[in-house]
Amino acid sequence: MAHQITEECIACGACEPECPEGAISEGDDIYVIDPGKCTDCGTCVEVCPTEAIVEL
């Protein structure tokens, strides 16, 4: 199961460089995770300051 970034995202960008698969990118208002690339490793969850990344 992939992870998803919720509306709690403050677009700080902390998660993007942590993703080893390059699945996270900046969206219109918040960062987004490409579920096709996400391997569910959870490294992004650990660095998110607002706990905006959840498992689907």
N, C-alpha and C. Protein backbone atom coordinates (compact mmCIF):
# COMPACT_ATOMS: atom_id res chain seq x y z
N MET A 1 0.85 -1.19 0.00
CA MET A 1 0.00 0.00 0.00
C MET A 1 0.89 1.24 0.00
N ALA A 2 0.51 2.19 -0.79
CA ALA A 2 1.26 3.44 -0.88
C ALA A 2 0.85 4.40 0.23
N HIS A 3 1.63 5.43 0.39
CA HIS A 3 1.31 6.49 1.34
C HIS A 3 0.66 7.65 0.59
N GLN A 4 -0.01 8.52 1.33
CA GLN A 4 -0.68 9.67 0.75
C GLN A 4 -0.41 10.88 1.64
N ILE A 5 -0.29 12.04 1.03
CA ILE A 5 -0.09 13.28 1.79
C ILE A 5 -1.44 13.96 1.92
N THR A 6 -1.81 14.29 3.14
CA THR A 6 -3.12 14.89 3.42
C THR A 6 -3.06 16.42 3.36
N GLU A 7 -4.20 17.03 3.55
CA GLU A 7 -4.32 18.48 3.55
C GLU A 7 -3.56 19.14 4.70
N GLU A 8 -3.07 18.35 5.64
CA GLU A 8 -2.29 18.89 6.76
C GLU A 8 -0.90 19.34 6.29
N CYS A 9 -0.54 19.01 5.06
CA CYS A 9 0.76 19.35 4.49
C CYS A 9 0.94 20.87 4.46
N ILE A 10 2.10 21.33 4.92
CA ILE A 10 2.42 22.76 4.89
C ILE A 10 3.41 23.08 3.76
N ALA A 11 3.62 22.14 2.88
CA ALA A 11 4.50 22.29 1.71
C ALA A 11 5.91 22.71 2.09
N CYS A 12 6.44 22.13 3.16
CA CYS A 12 7.79 22.47 3.62
C CYS A 12 8.87 21.82 2.76
N GLY A 13 8.53 20.70 2.11
CA GLY A 13 9.47 20.02 1.24
C GLY A 13 10.40 19.04 1.92
N ALA A 14 10.23 18.81 3.21
CA ALA A 14 11.12 17.90 3.94
C ALA A 14 11.06 16.47 3.41
N CYS A 15 9.91 16.06 2.93
CA CYS A 15 9.71 14.68 2.49
C CYS A 15 10.34 14.36 1.13
N GLU A 16 10.33 15.31 0.24
CA GLU A 16 10.76 15.05 -1.14
C GLU A 16 12.16 14.46 -1.26
N PRO A 17 13.19 15.06 -0.64
CA PRO A 17 14.53 14.47 -0.79
C PRO A 17 14.72 13.15 -0.06
N GLU A 18 13.83 12.81 0.85
CA GLU A 18 13.94 11.57 1.61
C GLU A 18 13.45 10.35 0.85
N CYS A 19 12.65 10.55 -0.18
CA CYS A 19 12.05 9.44 -0.91
C CYS A 19 13.08 8.80 -1.84
N PRO A 20 13.45 7.53 -1.59
CA PRO A 20 14.45 6.87 -2.43
C PRO A 20 13.94 6.52 -3.82
N GLU A 21 12.63 6.54 -4.00
CA GLU A 21 12.04 6.18 -5.30
C GLU A 21 11.67 7.40 -6.14
N GLY A 22 11.80 8.60 -5.60
CA GLY A 22 11.42 9.80 -6.33
C GLY A 22 9.92 9.91 -6.54
N ALA A 23 9.15 9.36 -5.61
CA ALA A 23 7.70 9.34 -5.75
C ALA A 23 7.01 10.61 -5.27
N ILE A 24 7.74 11.49 -4.59
CA ILE A 24 7.14 12.69 -4.03
C ILE A 24 7.51 13.90 -4.87
N SER A 25 6.50 14.71 -5.19
CA SER A 25 6.74 15.93 -5.96
C SER A 25 5.82 17.03 -5.46
N GLU A 26 6.17 18.25 -5.81
CA GLU A 26 5.38 19.40 -5.39
C GLU A 26 4.14 19.51 -6.27
N GLY A 27 2.98 19.54 -5.61
CA GLY A 27 1.73 19.72 -6.34
C GLY A 27 1.33 21.18 -6.35
N ASP A 28 0.07 21.48 -6.63
CA ASP A 28 -0.40 22.86 -6.68
C ASP A 28 -0.30 23.54 -5.32
N ASP A 29 -0.85 22.90 -4.29
CA ASP A 29 -0.85 23.49 -2.96
C ASP A 29 -0.04 22.69 -1.94
N ILE A 30 0.03 21.39 -2.14
CA ILE A 30 0.73 20.51 -1.22
C ILE A 30 1.58 19.53 -2.03
N TYR A 31 2.45 18.81 -1.34
CA TYR A 31 3.24 17.78 -2.01
C TYR A 31 2.36 16.55 -2.25
N VAL A 32 2.68 15.78 -3.26
CA VAL A 32 1.90 14.60 -3.62
C VAL A 32 2.82 13.40 -3.79
N ILE A 33 2.26 12.21 -3.59
CA ILE A 33 3.01 10.96 -3.75
C ILE A 33 2.41 10.18 -4.92
N ASP A 34 3.26 9.77 -5.84
CA ASP A 34 2.83 8.94 -6.96
C ASP A 34 2.70 7.51 -6.45
N PRO A 35 1.47 6.99 -6.35
CA PRO A 35 1.28 5.65 -5.79
C PRO A 35 1.93 4.55 -6.62
N GLY A 36 2.18 4.81 -7.88
CA GLY A 36 2.84 3.83 -8.73
C GLY A 36 4.33 3.68 -8.44
N LYS A 37 4.93 4.72 -7.85
CA LYS A 37 6.35 4.69 -7.52
C LYS A 37 6.61 4.39 -6.05
N CYS A 38 5.64 4.68 -5.19
CA CYS A 38 5.82 4.51 -3.74
C CYS A 38 5.96 3.03 -3.38
N THR A 39 7.02 2.72 -2.63
CA THR A 39 7.25 1.33 -2.21
C THR A 39 6.89 1.11 -0.74
N ASP A 40 6.26 2.11 -0.13
CA ASP A 40 5.78 1.99 1.25
C ASP A 40 6.92 1.84 2.26
N CYS A 41 8.04 2.51 2.00
CA CYS A 41 9.18 2.38 2.90
C CYS A 41 9.00 3.19 4.19
N GLY A 42 8.24 4.28 4.11
CA GLY A 42 7.94 5.07 5.31
C GLY A 42 8.96 6.12 5.68
N THR A 43 10.01 6.32 4.88
CA THR A 43 11.00 7.33 5.25
C THR A 43 10.40 8.73 5.25
N CYS A 44 9.45 8.99 4.41
CA CYS A 44 8.81 10.30 4.36
C CYS A 44 7.99 10.57 5.62
N VAL A 45 7.36 9.55 6.15
CA VAL A 45 6.54 9.68 7.36
C VAL A 45 7.39 10.17 8.53
N GLU A 46 8.60 9.67 8.62
CA GLU A 46 9.49 9.99 9.72
C GLU A 46 9.93 11.45 9.74
N VAL A 47 10.00 12.11 8.58
CA VAL A 47 10.49 13.49 8.53
C VAL A 47 9.40 14.54 8.45
N CYS A 48 8.16 14.14 8.28
CA CYS A 48 7.07 15.11 8.14
C CYS A 48 6.77 15.79 9.48
N PRO A 49 6.92 17.13 9.54
CA PRO A 49 6.70 17.83 10.80
C PRO A 49 5.23 17.96 11.22
N THR A 50 4.31 17.74 10.28
CA THR A 50 2.88 17.88 10.61
C THR A 50 2.13 16.56 10.60
N GLU A 51 2.87 15.46 10.44
CA GLU A 51 2.26 14.12 10.38
C GLU A 51 1.18 14.05 9.29
N ALA A 52 1.48 14.69 8.14
CA ALA A 52 0.52 14.77 7.05
C ALA A 52 0.60 13.58 6.10
N ILE A 53 1.51 12.65 6.33
CA ILE A 53 1.66 11.50 5.44
C ILE A 53 1.09 10.26 6.12
N VAL A 54 0.11 9.66 5.46
CA VAL A 54 -0.58 8.51 6.02
C VAL A 54 -0.56 7.35 5.04
N GLU A 55 -0.72 6.14 5.57
CA GLU A 55 -0.79 4.95 4.73
C GLU A 55 -2.21 4.83 4.19
N LEU A 56 -2.30 4.50 2.90
CA LEU A 56 -3.62 4.31 2.28
C LEU A 56 -4.27 3.03 2.75
